[in-house]
Amino acid sequence: MTDPKVSVIVPVYNTERYLRRCLDSLLHQTLAELEIVAIDDGSTDGSPKILRSYAARYPGKIQVLTKEQNNGQAGARNLGLLAARGSYIGFLDSDDFAKPEMFQKLFEAAEAADADYAACGYTDTAEEGGRLIVLSRYVASRPSRTQKDLFFGALVSPFLHLYRREILQTAGVFFTENHIYEDTAFYINLIPYIHKIAEVPEALACRVRRANSTTATISLERIRHIFPVLDEVIDFYRNRGFWDEFRAEVEYMCVRILACSSLRRAARLPRGYERRLFVRDTLTFIESRFPDFRKNPYIRNGGKHLYLQMLSEGTANAYVAAYRVRGRIGKHGIG
């Protein structure tokens, strides 16, 4: 294949049960000029054998890279970024799958708008009794028309995004290794380099939630990774000279992540003292990095941010308790 229009990076670690479905969904894309860059991240199951089989059957269509030791999706994706040849770069996790028209629609939208970035939505599913149950038919970021819109209502998962390879090379942005939340820093740090945006308001991918996935594994140590990841974001904007231009937006997004989505994850911690400790750690982080966050124009204005304006140890613990109740009531648990 000559240089493809799109490269899709697929990190693989012990997903033999789902891997064929993922690869087949990419091989049957309506966009013919697409390459698959699959990275075996030290798998110990049958995944490497499946990858070798597919690479032999589809030479030139599938690149398979191998890491001897597992060190997480971030390192695997970074290796894929170095090997990808497409004009645009996309991502797909090996337990998820894409609809046949996904990358053609994203690519055509990006080309039509001369965009640096294109986004779509997804269908949220869970496994139950050996079959997929639809949790939500359409999940997507809030529509973005301008660069700064990308800070608001964003889903940072890379499997929903297509990036122009040129901006990735210019920015020199990679995924943060040895931490979860690597998607968060990658997404936020690329925003200053994204000047044109395209969106396809359709569910073009299917996310499959499973009990033993990375995102489903919760511990106090793991959710604390959000702190160094957000410190990396803050340092990136300061060191690259973007802080003055984007300070309000970065502050708002970081506080929202910490006070909302991170505390929702904390609600899944089994021990009460761990939940309370994470609440205190979160408030300490916010107050030390963003001491005047309540004056932020996005937080100060609008009744929907009343919780952030009133953020305290008491309100944060109440928020966590409310999500624990919701998780017990909900059939599939918390978010």
C-alpha atoms as a PDB file:
ATOM      1  CA  MET A   1       0.000   0.000   0.000  1.00  0.00           C
ATOM      2  CA  THR A   2       1.193   3.507  -0.781  1.00  0.00           C
ATOM      3  CA  ASP A   3       0.998   5.894   2.155  1.00  0.00           C
ATOM      4  CA  PRO A   4      -2.496   5.366   3.584  1.00  0.00           C
ATOM      5  CA  LYS A   5      -5.053   8.062   4.202  1.00  0.00           C
ATOM      6  CA  VAL A   6      -5.616   6.836   7.768  1.00  0.00           C
ATOM      7  CA  SER A   7      -3.568   4.773  10.206  1.00  0.00           C
ATOM      8  CA  VAL A   8      -5.464   3.191  13.109  1.00  0.00           C
ATOM      9  CA  ILE A   9      -3.363   2.361  16.182  1.00  0.00           C
ATOM     10  CA  VAL A  10      -4.553  -0.668  18.167  1.00  0.00           C
ATOM     11  CA  PRO A  11      -2.820  -1.490  21.484  1.00  0.00           C
ATOM     12  CA  VAL A  12      -3.291  -5.161  22.362  1.00  0.00           C
ATOM     13  CA  TYR A  13      -2.895  -6.824  25.734  1.00  0.00           C
ATOM     14  CA  ASN A  14      -4.518 -10.175  26.543  1.00  0.00           C
ATOM     15  CA  THR A  15      -7.687  -9.574  24.544  1.00  0.00           C
ATOM     16  CA  GLU A  16      -7.814 -12.775  22.487  1.00  0.00           C
ATOM     17  CA  ARG A  17     -11.564 -13.067  23.093  1.00  0.00           C
ATOM     18  CA  TYR A  18     -12.260  -9.708  21.390  1.00  0.00           C
ATOM     19  CA  LEU A  19      -9.302  -9.157  19.078  1.00  0.00           C
ATOM     20  CA  ARG A  20     -10.662 -10.808  15.925  1.00  0.00           C
ATOM     21  CA  ARG A  21     -13.840  -8.737  16.096  1.00  0.00           C
ATOM     22  CA  CYS A  22     -11.793  -5.550  16.469  1.00  0.00           C
ATOM     23  CA  LEU A  23      -9.439  -6.363  13.583  1.00  0.00           C
ATOM     24  CA  ASP A  24     -12.269  -7.535  11.328  1.00  0.00           C
ATOM     25  CA  SER A  25     -14.118  -4.265  11.945  1.00  0.00           C
ATOM     26  CA  LEU A  26     -11.052  -2.397  10.644  1.00  0.00           C
ATOM     27  CA  LEU A  27     -10.421  -4.724   7.727  1.00  0.00           C
ATOM     28  CA  HIS A  28     -14.008  -4.181   6.556  1.00  0.00           C
ATOM     29  CA  GLN A  29     -13.840  -0.400   6.621  1.00  0.00           C
ATOM     30  CA  THR A  30     -15.303   1.306   3.558  1.00  0.00           C
ATOM     31  CA  LEU A  31     -12.134   3.429   3.440  1.00  0.00           C
ATOM     32  CA  ALA A  32      -9.752   1.226   1.469  1.00  0.00           C
ATOM     33  CA  GLU A  33      -6.612   3.306   2.071  1.00  0.00           C
ATOM     34  CA  LEU A  34      -6.351   2.423   5.756  1.00  0.00           C
ATOM     35  CA  GLU A  35      -3.553   0.699   7.625  1.00  0.00           C
ATOM     36  CA  ILE A  36      -3.788  -1.042  10.979  1.00  0.00           C
ATOM     37  CA  VAL A  37      -0.876  -0.608  13.375  1.00  0.00           C
ATOM     38  CA  ALA A  38      -1.322  -3.252  16.070  1.00  0.00           C
ATOM     39  CA  ILE A  39       1.022  -3.301  19.038  1.00  0.00           C
ATOM     40  CA  ASP A  40       1.279  -6.446  21.141  1.00  0.00           C
ATOM     41  CA  ASP A  41       2.043  -5.069  24.591  1.00  0.00           C
ATOM     42  CA  GLY A  42       3.608  -8.192  26.080  1.00  0.00           C
ATOM     43  CA  SER A  43       0.458 -10.348  25.914  1.00  0.00           C
ATOM     44  CA  THR A  44       0.571 -13.750  27.631  1.00  0.00           C
ATOM     45  CA  ASP A  45      -2.581 -15.197  26.036  1.00  0.00           C
ATOM     46  CA  GLY A  46      -3.343 -16.083  22.415  1.00  0.00           C
ATOM     47  CA  SER A  47      -3.309 -12.487  21.175  1.00  0.00           C
ATOM     48  CA  PRO A  48       0.199 -12.628  19.581  1.00  0.00           C
ATOM     49  CA  LYS A  49      -0.769 -15.727  17.566  1.00  0.00           C
ATOM     50  CA  ILE A  50      -3.913 -13.971  16.298  1.00  0.00           C
ATOM     51  CA  LEU A  51      -1.889 -10.905  15.306  1.00  0.00           C
ATOM     52  CA  ARG A  52       0.681 -12.992  13.429  1.00  0.00           C
ATOM     53  CA  SER A  53      -2.105 -14.807  11.598  1.00  0.00           C
ATOM     54  CA  TYR A  54      -3.789 -11.589  10.496  1.00  0.00           C
ATOM     55  CA  ALA A  55      -0.499  -9.997   9.460  1.00  0.00           C
ATOM     56  CA  ALA A  56       0.296 -13.025   7.270  1.00  0.00           C
ATOM     57  CA  ARG A  57      -3.160 -12.937   5.667  1.00  0.00           C
ATOM     58  CA  TYR A  58      -3.128  -9.184   5.063  1.00  0.00           C
ATOM     59  CA  PRO A  59       0.462  -8.149   4.270  1.00  0.00           C
ATOM     60  CA  GLY A  60       0.797  -4.430   3.726  1.00  0.00           C
ATOM     61  CA  LYS A  61      -2.515  -3.798   5.484  1.00  0.00           C
ATOM     62  CA  ILE A  62      -1.520  -4.689   9.048  1.00  0.00           C
ATOM     63  CA  GLN A  63       1.704  -3.719  10.799  1.00  0.00           C
ATOM     64  CA  VAL A  64       2.337  -5.735  13.958  1.00  0.00           C
ATOM     65  CA  LEU A  65       4.800  -4.347  16.485  1.00  0.00           C
ATOM     66  CA  THR A  66       5.849  -6.307  19.549  1.00  0.00           C
ATOM     67  CA  LYS A  67       6.836  -5.211  23.039  1.00  0.00           C
ATOM     68  CA  GLU A  68       8.413  -7.881  25.186  1.00  0.00           C
ATOM     69  CA  GLN A  69       7.032  -6.536  28.446  1.00  0.00           C
ATOM     70  CA  ASN A  70       3.671  -5.020  29.213  1.00  0.00           C
ATOM     71  CA  ASN A  71       3.764  -1.405  30.379  1.00  0.00           C
ATOM     72  CA  GLY A  72       0.333  -0.143  29.430  1.00  0.00           C
ATOM     73  CA  GLN A  73      -1.640   1.350  26.574  1.00  0.00           C
ATOM     74  CA  ALA A  74       0.295   4.612  26.607  1.00  0.00           C
ATOM     75  CA  GLY A  75       3.612   3.030  25.678  1.00  0.00           C
ATOM     76  CA  ALA A  76       1.959   0.848  23.039  1.00  0.00           C
ATOM     77  CA  ARG A  77       0.193   3.804  21.453  1.00  0.00           C
ATOM     78  CA  ASN A  78       3.414   5.836  21.476  1.00  0.00           C
ATOM     79  CA  LEU A  79       5.191   3.069  19.593  1.00  0.00           C
ATOM     80  CA  GLY A  80       2.314   3.065  17.116  1.00  0.00           C
ATOM     81  CA  LEU A  81       2.567   6.821  16.630  1.00  0.00           C
ATOM     82  CA  LEU A  82       6.184   6.450  15.551  1.00  0.00           C
ATOM     83  CA  ALA A  83       5.304   3.739  13.020  1.00  0.00           C
ATOM     84  CA  ALA A  84       2.045   5.108  11.571  1.00  0.00           C
ATOM     85  CA  ARG A  85       2.224   6.420   7.994  1.00  0.00           C
ATOM     86  CA  GLY A  86      -1.274   7.788   7.413  1.00  0.00           C
ATOM     87  CA  SER A  87      -2.141  11.404   6.713  1.00  0.00           C
ATOM     88  CA  TYR A  88      -4.498  11.105   9.679  1.00  0.00           C
ATOM     89  CA  ILE A  89      -4.106   8.999  12.809  1.00  0.00           C
ATOM     90  CA  GLY A  90      -6.938   7.234  14.632  1.00  0.00           C
ATOM     91  CA  PHE A  91      -7.116   4.811  17.542  1.00  0.00           C
ATOM     92  CA  LEU A  92      -9.150   1.789  18.570  1.00  0.00           C
ATOM     93  CA  ASP A  93      -8.844  -0.355  21.681  1.00  0.00           C
ATOM     94  CA  SER A  94      -8.638  -4.073  20.963  1.00  0.00           C
ATOM     95  CA  ASP A  95     -11.804  -4.938  22.893  1.00  0.00           C
ATOM     96  CA  ASP A  96     -13.864  -2.301  21.044  1.00  0.00           C
ATOM     97  CA  PHE A  97     -14.892  -2.227  17.401  1.00  0.00           C
ATOM     98  CA  ALA A  98     -15.692   0.241  14.650  1.00  0.00           C
ATOM     99  CA  LYS A  99     -18.683   0.499  12.350  1.00  0.00           C
ATOM    100  CA  PRO A 100     -17.735  -0.107   8.679  1.00  0.00           C
ATOM    101  CA  GLU A 101     -18.078   3.538   7.660  1.00  0.00           C
ATOM    102  CA  MET A 102     -16.318   5.046  10.692  1.00  0.00           C
ATOM    103  CA  PHE A 103     -12.983   6.073   9.251  1.00  0.00           C
ATOM    104  CA  GLN A 104     -14.280   6.998   5.821  1.00  0.00           C
ATOM    105  CA  LYS A 105     -16.771   9.417   7.390  1.00  0.00           C
ATOM    106  CA  LEU A 106     -14.158  10.879   9.741  1.00  0.00           C
ATOM    107  CA  PHE A 107     -11.578  11.202   6.973  1.00  0.00           C
ATOM    108  CA  GLU A 108     -13.999  12.791   4.503  1.00  0.00           C
ATOM    109  CA  ALA A 109     -15.226  15.253   7.140  1.00  0.00           C
ATOM    110  CA  ALA A 110     -11.636  16.191   7.997  1.00  0.00           C
ATOM    111  CA  GLU A 111     -10.656  16.573   4.347  1.00  0.00           C
ATOM    112  CA  ALA A 112     -13.724  18.668   3.503  1.00  0.00           C
ATOM    113  CA  ALA A 113     -12.961  21.100   6.325  1.00  0.00           C
ATOM    114  CA  ASP A 114      -9.158  20.898   5.981  1.00  0.00           C
ATOM    115  CA  ALA A 115      -9.376  20.000   9.665  1.00  0.00           C
ATOM    116  CA  ASP A 116      -6.607  19.129  12.096  1.00  0.00           C
ATOM    117  CA  TYR A 117      -9.009  17.039  14.157  1.00  0.00           C
ATOM    118  CA  ALA A 118     -12.262  15.179  13.589  1.00  0.00           C
ATOM    119  CA  ALA A 119     -14.525  13.593  16.195  1.00  0.00           C
ATOM    120  CA  CYS A 120     -17.533  11.290  16.345  1.00  0.00           C
ATOM    121  CA  GLY A 121     -19.692   9.587  18.965  1.00  0.00           C
ATOM    122  CA  TYR A 122     -19.996   5.988  20.107  1.00  0.00           C
ATOM    123  CA  THR A 123     -22.496   3.375  21.273  1.00  0.00           C
ATOM    124  CA  ASP A 124     -21.891   2.315  24.877  1.00  0.00           C
ATOM    125  CA  THR A 125     -22.310  -1.407  25.515  1.00  0.00           C
ATOM    126  CA  ALA A 126     -21.635  -3.978  28.216  1.00  0.00           C
ATOM    127  CA  GLU A 127     -21.239  -7.723  28.179  1.00  0.00           C
ATOM    128  CA  GLU A 128     -23.998  -9.711  29.823  1.00  0.00           C
ATOM    129  CA  GLY A 129     -24.527 -13.430  29.472  1.00  0.00           C
ATOM    130  CA  GLY A 130     -22.211 -13.663  26.496  1.00  0.00           C
ATOM    131  CA  ARG A 131     -23.958 -10.952  24.504  1.00  0.00           C
ATOM    132  CA  LEU A 132     -23.732  -7.190  24.193  1.00  0.00           C
ATOM    133  CA  ILE A 133     -26.265  -5.018  25.980  1.00  0.00           C
ATOM    134  CA  VAL A 134     -26.671  -1.447  24.755  1.00  0.00           C
ATOM    135  CA  LEU A 135     -26.295   1.027  27.616  1.00  0.00           C
ATOM    136  CA  SER A 136     -26.564   4.153  25.480  1.00  0.00           C
ATOM    137  CA  ARG A 137     -27.005   4.315  21.713  1.00  0.00           C
ATOM    138  CA  TYR A 138     -25.208   7.635  21.292  1.00  0.00           C
ATOM    139  CA  VAL A 139     -22.533   9.234  23.472  1.00  0.00           C
ATOM    140  CA  ALA A 140     -20.491  12.183  22.227  1.00  0.00           C
ATOM    141  CA  SER A 141     -18.619  15.305  23.219  1.00  0.00           C
ATOM    142  CA  ARG A 142     -20.425  18.599  23.204  1.00  0.00           C
ATOM    143  CA  PRO A 143     -20.172  20.103  19.698  1.00  0.00           C
ATOM    144  CA  SER A 144     -17.072  22.257  19.180  1.00  0.00           C
ATOM    145  CA  ARG A 145     -16.802  25.024  16.632  1.00  0.00           C
ATOM    146  CA  THR A 146     -13.764  26.849  17.978  1.00  0.00           C
ATOM    147  CA  GLN A 147     -10.470  25.778  19.495  1.00  0.00           C
ATOM    148  CA  LYS A 148     -11.500  26.795  23.003  1.00  0.00           C
ATOM    149  CA  ASP A 149     -14.758  24.839  22.714  1.00  0.00           C
ATOM    150  CA  LEU A 150     -12.634  21.692  22.909  1.00  0.00           C
ATOM    151  CA  PHE A 151     -12.145  22.267  26.641  1.00  0.00           C
ATOM    152  CA  PHE A 152     -15.859  21.961  27.406  1.00  0.00           C
ATOM    153  CA  GLY A 153     -17.958  18.829  27.551  1.00  0.00           C
ATOM    154  CA  ALA A 154     -15.147  16.825  26.002  1.00  0.00           C
ATOM    155  CA  LEU A 155     -14.747  13.072  25.829  1.00  0.00           C
ATOM    156  CA  VAL A 156     -10.983  12.625  25.798  1.00  0.00           C
ATOM    157  CA  SER A 157     -10.899   8.971  24.675  1.00  0.00           C
ATOM    158  CA  PRO A 158      -8.755   8.805  21.513  1.00  0.00           C
ATOM    159  CA  PHE A 159     -10.887   6.150  19.814  1.00  0.00           C
ATOM    160  CA  LEU A 160     -13.374   8.936  18.993  1.00  0.00           C
ATOM    161  CA  HIS A 161     -10.815  11.208  17.353  1.00  0.00           C
ATOM    162  CA  LEU A 162      -8.888  11.503  14.124  1.00  0.00           C
ATOM    163  CA  TYR A 163      -5.780  13.715  14.173  1.00  0.00           C
ATOM    164  CA  ARG A 164      -3.813  15.124  11.275  1.00  0.00           C
ATOM    165  CA  ARG A 165      -0.420  13.395  11.564  1.00  0.00           C
ATOM    166  CA  GLU A 166       1.354  16.675  10.799  1.00  0.00           C
ATOM    167  CA  ILE A 167       0.067  18.348  13.962  1.00  0.00           C
ATOM    168  CA  LEU A 168       1.115  15.367  16.070  1.00  0.00           C
ATOM    169  CA  GLN A 169       4.615  15.695  14.666  1.00  0.00           C
ATOM    170  CA  THR A 170       4.671  19.471  15.146  1.00  0.00           C
ATOM    171  CA  ALA A 171       3.387  19.267  18.711  1.00  0.00           C
ATOM    172  CA  GLY A 172       5.585  16.332  19.693  1.00  0.00           C
ATOM    173  CA  VAL A 173       2.830  15.187  22.025  1.00  0.00           C
ATOM    174  CA  PHE A 174       2.763  11.582  23.210  1.00  0.00           C
ATOM    175  CA  PHE A 175       0.731   9.634  25.756  1.00  0.00           C
ATOM    176  CA  THR A 176       1.889   9.828  29.381  1.00  0.00           C
ATOM    177  CA  GLU A 177       3.409   6.463  30.234  1.00  0.00           C
ATOM    178  CA  ASN A 178       3.123   4.564  33.524  1.00  0.00           C
ATOM    179  CA  HIS A 179      -0.099   6.331  34.491  1.00  0.00           C
ATOM    180  CA  ILE A 180      -3.751   5.837  33.786  1.00  0.00           C
ATOM    181  CA  TYR A 181      -5.551   8.936  32.481  1.00  0.00           C
ATOM    182  CA  GLU A 182      -2.951   9.065  29.713  1.00  0.00           C
ATOM    183  CA  ASP A 183      -5.778  10.019  27.332  1.00  0.00           C
ATOM    184  CA  THR A 184      -6.441  13.177  29.332  1.00  0.00           C
ATOM    185  CA  ALA A 185      -3.030  14.801  28.907  1.00  0.00           C
ATOM    186  CA  PHE A 186      -2.780  13.739  25.260  1.00  0.00           C
ATOM    187  CA  TYR A 187      -6.115  15.356  24.407  1.00  0.00           C
ATOM    188  CA  ILE A 188      -5.629  18.589  26.381  1.00  0.00           C
ATOM    189  CA  ASN A 189      -2.030  19.143  25.273  1.00  0.00           C
ATOM    190  CA  LEU A 190      -2.964  18.933  21.602  1.00  0.00           C
ATOM    191  CA  ILE A 191      -5.684  21.591  21.764  1.00  0.00           C
ATOM    192  CA  PRO A 192      -3.366  24.588  21.083  1.00  0.00           C
ATOM    193  CA  TYR A 193      -2.300  22.924  17.830  1.00  0.00           C
ATOM    194  CA  ILE A 194      -5.842  22.276  16.580  1.00  0.00           C
ATOM    195  CA  HIS A 195      -7.076  25.172  14.469  1.00  0.00           C
ATOM    196  CA  LYS A 196      -9.749  23.562  12.310  1.00  0.00           C
ATOM    197  CA  ILE A 197     -12.329  21.090  13.613  1.00  0.00           C
ATOM    198  CA  ALA A 198     -14.655  18.613  11.910  1.00  0.00           C
ATOM    199  CA  GLU A 199     -17.381  16.563  13.554  1.00  0.00           C
ATOM    200  CA  VAL A 200     -19.542  13.639  12.516  1.00  0.00           C
ATOM    201  CA  PRO A 201     -22.560  13.547  14.866  1.00  0.00           C
ATOM    202  CA  GLU A 202     -23.035   9.795  14.643  1.00  0.00           C
ATOM    203  CA  ALA A 203     -22.164   6.788  16.802  1.00  0.00           C
ATOM    204  CA  LEU A 204     -19.426   5.290  14.638  1.00  0.00           C
ATOM    205  CA  ALA A 205     -17.663   3.151  17.241  1.00  0.00           C
ATOM    206  CA  CYS A 206     -18.815   0.648  19.856  1.00  0.00           C
ATOM    207  CA  ARG A 207     -17.250   0.661  23.296  1.00  0.00           C
ATOM    208  CA  VAL A 208     -17.456  -2.631  25.150  1.00  0.00           C
ATOM    209  CA  ARG A 209     -17.339  -2.380  28.928  1.00  0.00           C
ATOM    210  CA  ARG A 210     -15.956  -5.456  30.641  1.00  0.00           C
ATOM    211  CA  ALA A 211     -15.271  -6.192  34.281  1.00  0.00           C
ATOM    212  CA  ASN A 212     -11.488  -6.713  34.029  1.00  0.00           C
ATOM    213  CA  SER A 213     -10.640  -3.838  31.682  1.00  0.00           C
ATOM    214  CA  THR A 214      -8.187  -1.084  32.590  1.00  0.00           C
ATOM    215  CA  THR A 215     -10.931   1.505  33.026  1.00  0.00           C
ATOM    216  CA  ALA A 216     -12.959  -0.828  35.260  1.00  0.00           C
ATOM    217  CA  THR A 217     -10.110  -1.497  37.708  1.00  0.00           C
ATOM    218  CA  ILE A 218     -10.354   0.970  40.583  1.00  0.00           C
ATOM    219  CA  SER A 219      -7.905   1.470  43.455  1.00  0.00           C
ATOM    220  CA  LEU A 220      -6.782   4.481  45.459  1.00  0.00           C
ATOM    221  CA  GLU A 221      -3.272   4.226  44.004  1.00  0.00           C
ATOM    222  CA  ARG A 222      -4.586   4.174  40.429  1.00  0.00           C
ATOM    223  CA  ILE A 223      -7.035   7.059  40.677  1.00  0.00           C
ATOM    224  CA  ARG A 224      -4.318   9.176  42.298  1.00  0.00           C
ATOM    225  CA  HIS A 225      -2.554   9.081  38.909  1.00  0.00           C
ATOM    226  CA  ILE A 226      -4.761  11.999  37.896  1.00  0.00           C
ATOM    227  CA  PHE A 227      -2.606  14.374  39.959  1.00  0.00           C
ATOM    228  CA  PRO A 228       0.738  13.927  38.125  1.00  0.00           C
ATOM    229  CA  VAL A 229      -1.112  13.777  34.798  1.00  0.00           C
ATOM    230  CA  LEU A 230      -2.737  17.171  35.388  1.00  0.00           C
ATOM    231  CA  ASP A 231       0.568  18.564  36.649  1.00  0.00           C
ATOM    232  CA  GLU A 232       2.012  17.490  33.307  1.00  0.00           C
ATOM    233  CA  VAL A 233      -0.750  19.433  31.533  1.00  0.00           C
ATOM    234  CA  ILE A 234      -0.091  22.565  33.599  1.00  0.00           C
ATOM    235  CA  ASP A 235       3.662  22.336  32.981  1.00  0.00           C
ATOM    236  CA  PHE A 236       3.094  21.744  29.266  1.00  0.00           C
ATOM    237  CA  TYR A 237       1.034  24.916  28.863  1.00  0.00           C
ATOM    238  CA  ARG A 238       3.496  26.964  30.899  1.00  0.00           C
ATOM    239  CA  ASN A 239       6.610  25.636  29.170  1.00  0.00           C
ATOM    240  CA  ARG A 240       5.167  25.930  25.656  1.00  0.00           C
ATOM    241  CA  GLY A 241       4.036  29.524  26.192  1.00  0.00           C
ATOM    242  CA  PHE A 242       0.302  28.748  26.032  1.00  0.00           C
ATOM    243  CA  TRP A 243      -0.555  29.510  29.670  1.00  0.00           C
ATOM    244  CA  ASP A 244      -1.636  33.123  29.309  1.00  0.00           C
ATOM    245  CA  GLU A 245      -3.878  32.368  26.328  1.00  0.00           C
ATOM    246  CA  PHE A 246      -5.537  29.260  27.759  1.00  0.00           C
ATOM    247  CA  ARG A 247      -5.210  29.614  31.534  1.00  0.00           C
ATOM    248  CA  ALA A 248      -8.940  30.017  32.231  1.00  0.00           C
ATOM    249  CA  GLU A 249      -9.849  27.047  30.034  1.00  0.00           C
ATOM    250  CA  VAL A 250      -7.154  24.746  31.458  1.00  0.00           C
ATOM    251  CA  GLU A 251      -8.099  25.706  35.007  1.00  0.00           C
ATOM    252  CA  TYR A 252     -11.782  25.070  34.320  1.00  0.00           C
ATOM    253  CA  MET A 253     -11.182  21.698  32.674  1.00  0.00           C
ATOM    254  CA  CYS A 254      -8.802  20.491  35.384  1.00  0.00           C
ATOM    255  CA  VAL A 255     -11.141  21.488  38.198  1.00  0.00           C
ATOM    256  CA  ARG A 256     -14.086  19.853  36.437  1.00  0.00           C
ATOM    257  CA  ILE A 257     -12.134  16.630  35.953  1.00  0.00           C
ATOM    258  CA  LEU A 258     -11.023  16.522  39.581  1.00  0.00           C
ATOM    259  CA  ALA A 259     -14.263  17.610  41.228  1.00  0.00           C
ATOM    260  CA  CYS A 260     -16.563  15.581  38.996  1.00  0.00           C
ATOM    261  CA  SER A 261     -15.258  12.582  37.047  1.00  0.00           C
ATOM    262  CA  SER A 262     -12.393  11.774  39.456  1.00  0.00           C
ATOM    263  CA  LEU A 263     -14.696  11.876  42.457  1.00  0.00           C
ATOM    264  CA  ARG A 264     -17.162   9.636  40.618  1.00  0.00           C
ATOM    265  CA  ARG A 265     -14.361   7.109  40.314  1.00  0.00           C
ATOM    266  CA  ALA A 266     -13.570   7.581  44.004  1.00  0.00           C
ATOM    267  CA  ALA A 267     -17.162   6.600  44.774  1.00  0.00           C
ATOM    268  CA  ARG A 268     -16.275   3.084  43.598  1.00  0.00           C
ATOM    269  CA  LEU A 269     -13.531   2.664  46.203  1.00  0.00           C
ATOM    270  CA  PRO A 270     -14.688   0.013  48.696  1.00  0.00           C
ATOM    271  CA  ARG A 271     -13.347   1.633  51.873  1.00  0.00           C
ATOM    272  CA  GLY A 272     -14.774   4.795  53.338  1.00  0.00           C
ATOM    273  CA  TYR A 273     -11.452   6.086  54.630  1.00  0.00           C
ATOM    274  CA  GLU A 274      -9.965   5.774  51.121  1.00  0.00           C
ATOM    275  CA  ARG A 275     -12.833   7.782  49.662  1.00  0.00           C
ATOM    276  CA  ARG A 276     -12.416  10.506  52.276  1.00  0.00           C
ATOM    277  CA  LEU A 277      -8.636  10.539  51.781  1.00  0.00           C
ATOM    278  CA  PHE A 278      -9.009  10.988  48.032  1.00  0.00           C
ATOM    279  CA  VAL A 279     -11.463  13.845  48.578  1.00  0.00           C
ATOM    280  CA  ARG A 280      -8.914  15.609  50.804  1.00  0.00           C
ATOM    281  CA  ASP A 281      -6.105  14.968  48.315  1.00  0.00           C
ATOM    282  CA  THR A 282      -8.262  16.356  45.513  1.00  0.00           C
ATOM    283  CA  LEU A 283      -9.131  19.539  47.364  1.00  0.00           C
ATOM    284  CA  THR A 284      -5.486  20.029  48.382  1.00  0.00           C
ATOM    285  CA  PHE A 285      -4.426  19.702  44.743  1.00  0.00           C
ATOM    286  CA  ILE A 286      -7.066  22.148  43.503  1.00  0.00           C
ATOM    287  CA  GLU A 287      -6.341  24.751  46.166  1.00  0.00           C
ATOM    288  CA  SER A 288      -2.583  24.555  45.627  1.00  0.00           C
ATOM    289  CA  ARG A 289      -2.653  24.715  41.791  1.00  0.00           C
ATOM    290  CA  PHE A 290      -5.724  26.885  41.320  1.00  0.00           C
ATOM    291  CA  PRO A 291      -6.227  28.906  44.534  1.00  0.00           C
ATOM    292  CA  ASP A 292      -8.567  31.384  42.802  1.00  0.00           C
ATOM    293  CA  PHE A 293     -10.570  28.836  40.801  1.00  0.00           C
ATOM    294  CA  ARG A 294     -13.878  30.174  42.106  1.00  0.00           C
ATOM    295  CA  LYS A 295     -13.120  33.422  40.241  1.00  0.00           C
ATOM    296  CA  ASN A 296     -12.695  31.539  36.972  1.00  0.00           C
ATOM    297  CA  PRO A 297     -15.147  33.106  34.486  1.00  0.00           C
ATOM    298  CA  TYR A 298     -16.503  29.718  33.424  1.00  0.00           C
ATOM    299  CA  ILE A 299     -17.098  28.652  37.040  1.00  0.00           C
ATOM    300  CA  ARG A 300     -18.253  32.010  38.395  1.00  0.00           C
ATOM    301  CA  ASN A 301     -20.964  32.465  35.757  1.00  0.00           C
ATOM    302  CA  GLY A 302     -23.939  30.184  35.413  1.00  0.00           C
ATOM    303  CA  GLY A 303     -26.032  28.301  37.947  1.00  0.00           C
ATOM    304  CA  LYS A 304     -24.976  24.891  36.607  1.00  0.00           C
ATOM    305  CA  HIS A 305     -21.575  25.408  38.257  1.00  0.00           C
ATOM    306  CA  LEU A 306     -22.978  26.025  41.716  1.00  0.00           C
ATOM    307  CA  TYR A 307     -21.403  22.776  42.951  1.00  0.00           C
ATOM    308  CA  LEU A 308     -17.941  23.994  41.872  1.00  0.00           C
ATOM    309  CA  GLN A 309     -18.518  27.422  43.415  1.00  0.00           C
ATOM    310  CA  MET A 310     -19.451  25.734  46.717  1.00  0.00           C
ATOM    311  CA  LEU A 311     -16.775  23.030  46.524  1.00  0.00           C
ATOM    312  CA  SER A 312     -15.597  21.956  49.974  1.00  0.00           C
ATOM    313  CA  GLU A 313     -14.770  18.751  51.793  1.00  0.00           C
ATOM    314  CA  GLY A 314     -18.398  18.465  52.874  1.00  0.00           C
ATOM    315  CA  THR A 315     -19.946  18.994  49.431  1.00  0.00           C
ATOM    316  CA  ALA A 316     -17.369  16.717  47.784  1.00  0.00           C
ATOM    317  CA  ASN A 317     -18.034  13.882  50.254  1.00  0.00           C
ATOM    318  CA  ALA A 318     -21.770  14.332  49.693  1.00  0.00           C
ATOM    319  CA  TYR A 319     -21.201  14.122  45.933  1.00  0.00           C
ATOM    320  CA  VAL A 320     -19.245  10.866  46.361  1.00  0.00           C
ATOM    321  CA  ALA A 321     -21.961   9.422  48.628  1.00  0.00           C
ATOM    322  CA  ALA A 322     -24.659  10.289  46.089  1.00  0.00           C
ATOM    323  CA  TYR A 323     -22.768   8.464  43.347  1.00  0.00           C
ATOM    324  CA  ARG A 324     -22.353   5.416  45.550  1.00  0.00           C
ATOM    325  CA  VAL A 325     -26.121   5.280  45.961  1.00  0.00           C
ATOM    326  CA  ARG A 326     -26.593   5.697  42.226  1.00  0.00           C
ATOM    327  CA  GLY A 327     -24.086   2.913  41.611  1.00  0.00           C
ATOM    328  CA  ARG A 328     -25.952   0.490  43.884  1.00  0.00           C
ATOM    329  CA  ILE A 329     -29.238   1.275  42.195  1.00  0.00           C
ATOM    330  CA  GLY A 330     -27.913   1.207  38.625  1.00  0.00           C
ATOM    331  CA  LYS A 331     -27.828  -2.200  36.963  1.00  0.00           C
ATOM    332  CA  HIS A 332     -24.370  -1.737  35.484  1.00  0.00           C
ATOM    333  CA  GLY A 333     -22.778   0.338  38.254  1.00  0.00           C
ATOM    334  CA  ILE A 334     -21.271   3.793  38.150  1.00  0.00           C
ATOM    335  CA  GLY A 335     -20.217   5.556  34.971  1.00  0.00           C
END
